[in-house]
Protein backbone atom coordinates (compact mmCIF):
# COMPACT_ATOMS: atom_id res chain seq x y z
CA UNK A 1 30.25 -13.07 -23.05
CA UNK A 2 32.39 -10.67 -21.04
CA UNK A 3 35.14 -8.47 -22.40
CA UNK A 4 37.03 -5.30 -21.66
CA UNK A 5 37.07 -2.16 -23.72
CA UNK A 6 40.12 0.05 -24.24
CA UNK A 7 39.39 1.99 -21.06
CA UNK A 8 39.49 -1.11 -18.90
CA UNK A 9 35.74 -1.20 -18.34
CA UNK A 10 33.90 -4.48 -18.35
CA UNK A 11 31.18 -3.87 -20.91
CA UNK A 12 28.77 -6.30 -19.30
CA UNK A 13 29.11 -4.37 -16.02
CA UNK A 14 28.82 -0.93 -17.53
CA UNK A 15 25.72 -2.05 -19.29
CA UNK A 16 24.29 -2.18 -22.74
CA UNK A 17 24.75 1.58 -23.11
CA UNK A 18 21.69 2.14 -20.94
CA UNK A 19 22.37 0.92 -17.42
CA UNK A 20 23.90 2.76 -14.50
CA UNK A 21 27.42 1.75 -13.46
CA UNK A 22 27.91 -0.51 -10.45
CA UNK A 23 29.58 2.34 -8.56
CA UNK A 24 26.53 4.55 -9.10
CA UNK A 25 24.32 1.75 -7.77
CA UNK A 26 26.49 1.61 -4.65
CA UNK A 27 26.24 5.37 -4.19
CA UNK A 28 22.45 5.24 -4.32
CA UNK A 29 22.32 2.37 -1.82
CA UNK A 30 24.82 4.11 0.43
CA UNK A 31 22.58 7.17 0.60
CA UNK A 32 19.45 5.08 1.14
CA UNK A 33 20.98 3.48 4.22
CA UNK A 34 21.22 6.95 5.77
CA UNK A 35 17.51 7.55 5.34
CA UNK A 36 15.77 4.24 6.11
CA UNK A 37 16.57 1.11 8.10
CA UNK A 38 17.68 -2.18 6.58
CA UNK A 39 18.36 -5.53 8.20
CA UNK A 40 21.71 -6.35 6.59
CA UNK A 41 23.55 -3.61 4.72
CA UNK A 42 26.22 -5.97 3.38
CA UNK A 43 23.61 -8.19 1.75
CA UNK A 44 21.77 -5.10 0.50
CA UNK A 45 24.89 -3.69 -1.17
CA UNK A 46 25.83 -6.96 -2.79
CA UNK A 47 22.30 -7.47 -4.07
CA UNK A 48 22.34 -3.96 -5.49
CA UNK A 49 25.25 -4.71 -7.83
CA UNK A 50 25.38 -8.46 -8.46
CA UNK A 51 22.98 -8.26 -11.42
CA UNK A 52 25.92 -6.78 -13.32
CA UNK A 53 27.82 -10.05 -12.82
CA UNK A 54 25.35 -12.02 -14.95
CA UNK A 55 27.02 -13.92 -17.77
CA UNK A 56 24.15 -14.94 -20.06
CA UNK A 57 22.21 -11.70 -20.38
CA UNK A 58 19.34 -12.91 -18.21
CA UNK A 59 20.12 -11.16 -14.95
CA UNK A 60 18.16 -7.99 -15.74
CA UNK A 61 14.93 -9.82 -16.60
CA UNK A 62 14.25 -8.00 -19.85
CA UNK A 63 11.13 -9.13 -21.69
CA UNK A 64 8.99 -8.17 -24.65
CA UNK A 65 5.82 -6.31 -23.75
CA UNK A 66 3.04 -4.73 -25.79
CA UNK A 67 3.41 -2.53 -28.86
CA UNK A 68 6.90 -3.73 -29.77
CA UNK A 69 8.41 -2.59 -26.49
CA UNK A 70 10.66 -4.18 -23.89
CA UNK A 71 10.84 -3.72 -20.17
CA UNK A 72 12.34 -5.09 -16.98
CA UNK A 73 10.06 -7.83 -15.68
CA UNK A 74 9.37 -6.41 -12.24
CA UNK A 75 6.21 -8.53 -12.02
CA UNK A 76 8.18 -11.75 -12.42
CA UNK A 77 10.75 -10.70 -9.85
CA UNK A 78 8.09 -9.75 -7.32
CA UNK A 79 6.28 -13.03 -7.99
CA UNK A 80 9.44 -15.10 -7.52
CA UNK A 81 10.89 -13.25 -4.56
CA UNK A 82 8.12 -11.09 -3.09
CA UNK A 83 8.48 -12.49 0.41
CA UNK A 84 12.25 -12.42 0.22
CA UNK A 85 12.23 -8.76 -0.86
CA UNK A 86 10.61 -7.96 2.47
CA UNK A 87 12.73 -10.26 4.63
CA UNK A 88 16.14 -10.44 2.95
CA UNK A 89 18.05 -7.34 1.85
CA UNK A 90 19.99 -9.29 -0.78
CA UNK A 91 16.76 -9.65 -2.73
CA UNK A 92 15.63 -6.12 -2.00
CA UNK A 93 18.97 -4.77 -3.23
CA UNK A 94 18.66 -6.75 -6.46
CA UNK A 95 15.16 -5.40 -6.99
CA UNK A 96 16.33 -1.83 -6.45
CA UNK A 97 19.10 -2.39 -9.00
CA UNK A 98 16.47 -3.18 -11.64
CA UNK A 99 14.43 -0.14 -10.62
CA UNK A 100 17.48 2.10 -10.88
CA UNK A 101 18.35 0.77 -14.33
CA UNK A 102 14.82 1.50 -15.55
CA UNK A 103 15.15 5.05 -14.28
CA UNK A 104 18.60 5.45 -15.80
CA UNK A 105 17.49 4.26 -19.21
CA UNK A 106 14.81 6.92 -19.38
CA UNK A 107 17.13 9.50 -17.86
CA UNK A 108 19.78 9.28 -20.57
CA UNK A 109 17.54 8.48 -23.54
CA UNK A 110 14.42 10.54 -22.91
CA UNK A 111 15.84 13.53 -21.11
CA UNK A 112 19.31 13.80 -22.64
CA UNK A 113 18.64 12.04 -25.96
CA UNK A 114 21.65 9.72 -25.82
CA UNK A 115 22.31 8.10 -29.19
CA UNK A 116 24.53 5.00 -29.09
CA UNK A 117 24.11 4.42 -32.81
CA UNK A 118 26.55 7.20 -33.70
CA UNK A 119 29.96 5.53 -34.27
CA UNK A 120 32.30 6.00 -31.33
CA UNK A 121 29.63 7.16 -28.88
CA UNK A 122 29.55 3.95 -26.87
CA UNK A 123 33.31 3.88 -26.34
CA UNK A 124 33.32 7.53 -25.29
CA UNK A 125 30.48 6.90 -22.85
CA UNK A 126 32.44 4.08 -21.24
CA UNK A 127 35.35 6.46 -20.86
CA UNK A 128 33.01 8.93 -19.14
CA UNK A 129 31.95 6.20 -16.73
CA UNK A 130 35.53 5.47 -15.70
CA UNK A 131 36.15 9.17 -14.99
CA UNK A 132 32.84 9.79 -13.24
CA UNK A 133 33.16 6.61 -11.17
CA UNK A 134 36.14 8.04 -9.33
CA UNK A 135 34.22 11.26 -8.70
CA UNK A 136 31.26 9.29 -7.33
CA UNK A 137 33.51 7.19 -5.09
CA UNK A 138 35.03 10.35 -3.64
CA UNK A 139 31.89 12.47 -3.28
CA UNK A 140 29.73 9.77 -1.74
CA UNK A 141 32.61 8.40 0.34
CA UNK A 142 32.26 4.88 -0.97
CA UNK A 143 34.48 2.14 0.34
CA UNK A 144 35.71 -0.92 -1.48
CA UNK A 145 34.16 -3.19 1.13
CA UNK A 146 31.74 -5.28 -0.89
CA UNK A 147 31.36 -8.73 0.67
CA UNK A 148 30.13 -11.85 -1.12
CA UNK A 149 27.45 -13.39 1.12
CA UNK A 150 28.43 -16.74 2.54
CA UNK A 151 26.83 -19.53 0.51
CA UNK A 152 25.79 -17.17 -2.28
CA UNK A 153 26.04 -20.01 -4.78
CA UNK A 154 23.04 -21.59 -3.05
CA UNK A 155 20.87 -18.48 -3.10
CA UNK A 156 17.63 -18.66 -5.08
CA UNK A 157 18.71 -15.53 -6.98
CA UNK A 158 20.92 -17.85 -9.03
CA UNK A 159 17.77 -19.02 -10.80
CA UNK A 160 17.91 -15.80 -12.82
CA UNK A 161 21.36 -16.21 -14.39
CA UNK A 162 24.86 -17.56 -13.87
CA UNK A 163 26.97 -15.02 -11.99
CA UNK A 164 30.74 -14.72 -12.44
CA UNK A 165 31.41 -13.51 -8.92
CA UNK A 166 35.20 -13.85 -8.96
CA UNK A 167 35.57 -11.73 -12.09
CA UNK A 168 32.99 -9.26 -10.87
CA UNK A 169 34.73 -8.67 -7.55
CA UNK A 170 38.02 -8.05 -9.33
CA UNK A 171 36.32 -5.53 -11.62
CA UNK A 172 34.64 -3.80 -8.70
CA UNK A 173 38.00 -3.29 -7.01
CA UNK A 174 39.38 -1.71 -10.16
CA UNK A 175 36.64 0.94 -10.17
CA UNK A 176 37.99 2.40 -6.94
CA UNK A 177 41.39 3.18 -8.44
CA UNK A 178 42.08 6.78 -9.50
CA UNK A 179 42.00 7.50 -13.22
CA UNK A 180 43.44 10.33 -15.26
CA UNK A 181 41.11 13.31 -15.39
CA UNK A 182 40.04 14.05 -18.97
CA UNK A 183 37.29 15.94 -20.74
CA UNK A 184 33.81 14.47 -20.35
CA UNK A 185 32.01 13.53 -23.55
CA UNK A 186 28.40 12.98 -22.42
CA UNK A 187 27.78 11.65 -18.90
CA UNK A 188 29.03 14.47 -16.69
CA UNK A 189 29.63 14.61 -12.95
CA UNK A 190 26.64 16.91 -12.66
CA UNK A 191 24.48 14.37 -14.46
CA UNK A 192 25.63 11.64 -12.10
CA UNK A 193 24.59 13.76 -9.12
CA UNK A 194 21.26 14.60 -10.70
CA UNK A 195 20.49 10.98 -11.52
CA UNK A 196 21.62 9.70 -8.11
CA UNK A 197 19.39 12.20 -6.30
CA UNK A 198 16.37 11.30 -8.40
CA UNK A 199 17.03 7.57 -7.99
CA UNK A 200 17.33 7.94 -4.22
CA UNK A 201 14.00 9.75 -4.03
CA UNK A 202 12.30 7.16 -6.25
CA UNK A 203 13.78 4.20 -4.37
CA UNK A 204 12.71 5.62 -1.01
CA UNK A 205 9.14 5.69 -2.27
CA UNK A 206 9.48 2.25 -3.86
CA UNK A 207 10.71 0.66 -0.62
CA UNK A 208 7.87 2.33 1.27
CA UNK A 209 5.34 0.93 -1.22
CA UNK A 210 6.77 -2.58 -1.04
CA UNK A 211 6.88 -2.58 2.74
CA UNK A 212 3.28 -1.35 2.91
CA UNK A 213 1.96 -3.92 0.46
CA UNK A 214 1.29 -1.39 -2.28
CA UNK A 215 1.94 -1.91 -6.01
CA UNK A 216 5.52 -1.19 -7.04
CA UNK A 217 7.00 0.18 -10.23
CA UNK A 218 4.93 -0.57 -13.36
CA UNK A 219 6.94 -2.35 -16.03
CA UNK A 220 4.62 -1.08 -18.78
CA UNK A 221 5.07 2.53 -17.72
CA UNK A 222 8.85 2.09 -17.87
CA UNK A 223 8.93 0.09 -21.10
CA UNK A 224 10.99 1.30 -24.06
CA UNK A 225 10.94 0.90 -27.81
CA UNK A 226 13.11 -2.05 -28.83
CA UNK A 227 14.95 0.13 -31.31
CA UNK A 228 15.87 2.67 -28.62
CA UNK A 229 19.63 2.27 -28.34
CA UNK A 230 19.67 -1.42 -29.14
CA UNK A 231 17.36 -4.35 -29.43
CA UNK A 232 17.98 -5.57 -25.90
């Protein structure tokens, strides 16, 4: 299910209180393209955000792991699309999206002790996102130039979930519009910069590992307690 909150944010796109916003994903990818070479930046960028267009909650490959924890199933993704990750930037971008969400979850919960169970916190966080998004767009000089790859409906990535691309593209455009500047509740502009820098550094190393045939991010190491924030 997809719905909008009072701040105009699509809750499925802004995540289950623990995923980076699509604009932040774009900022990270934008900076990565300045540091390493890719084959097709348009496919890379689209892959890096399209997971947020999933409609049945399957696009982020969350699974149960040991000791009552959950994680992103990086192993499954690498098994399904390992060759494509190396040869097609759409699939590499999608993989990096999952990596960034794993980092973001631990960033806000472990380091800053975010608690979505306090009434009103989730709505205020979504408001922060809408304010910080405009800051990120401006600082990282992002352009609203996302392109849906031709024939996307036939891509193997659609095995993971059903993607509402039309709605997603409309939502993405809305994130580039200026919003009224208000007080930040939790996720500050400084935090966005800190997280983006750390994610860039991690993703640079992750791409290097993948391209050199080395093991990538460990889903057990980045697992979380199922009660941490929500059961998902």
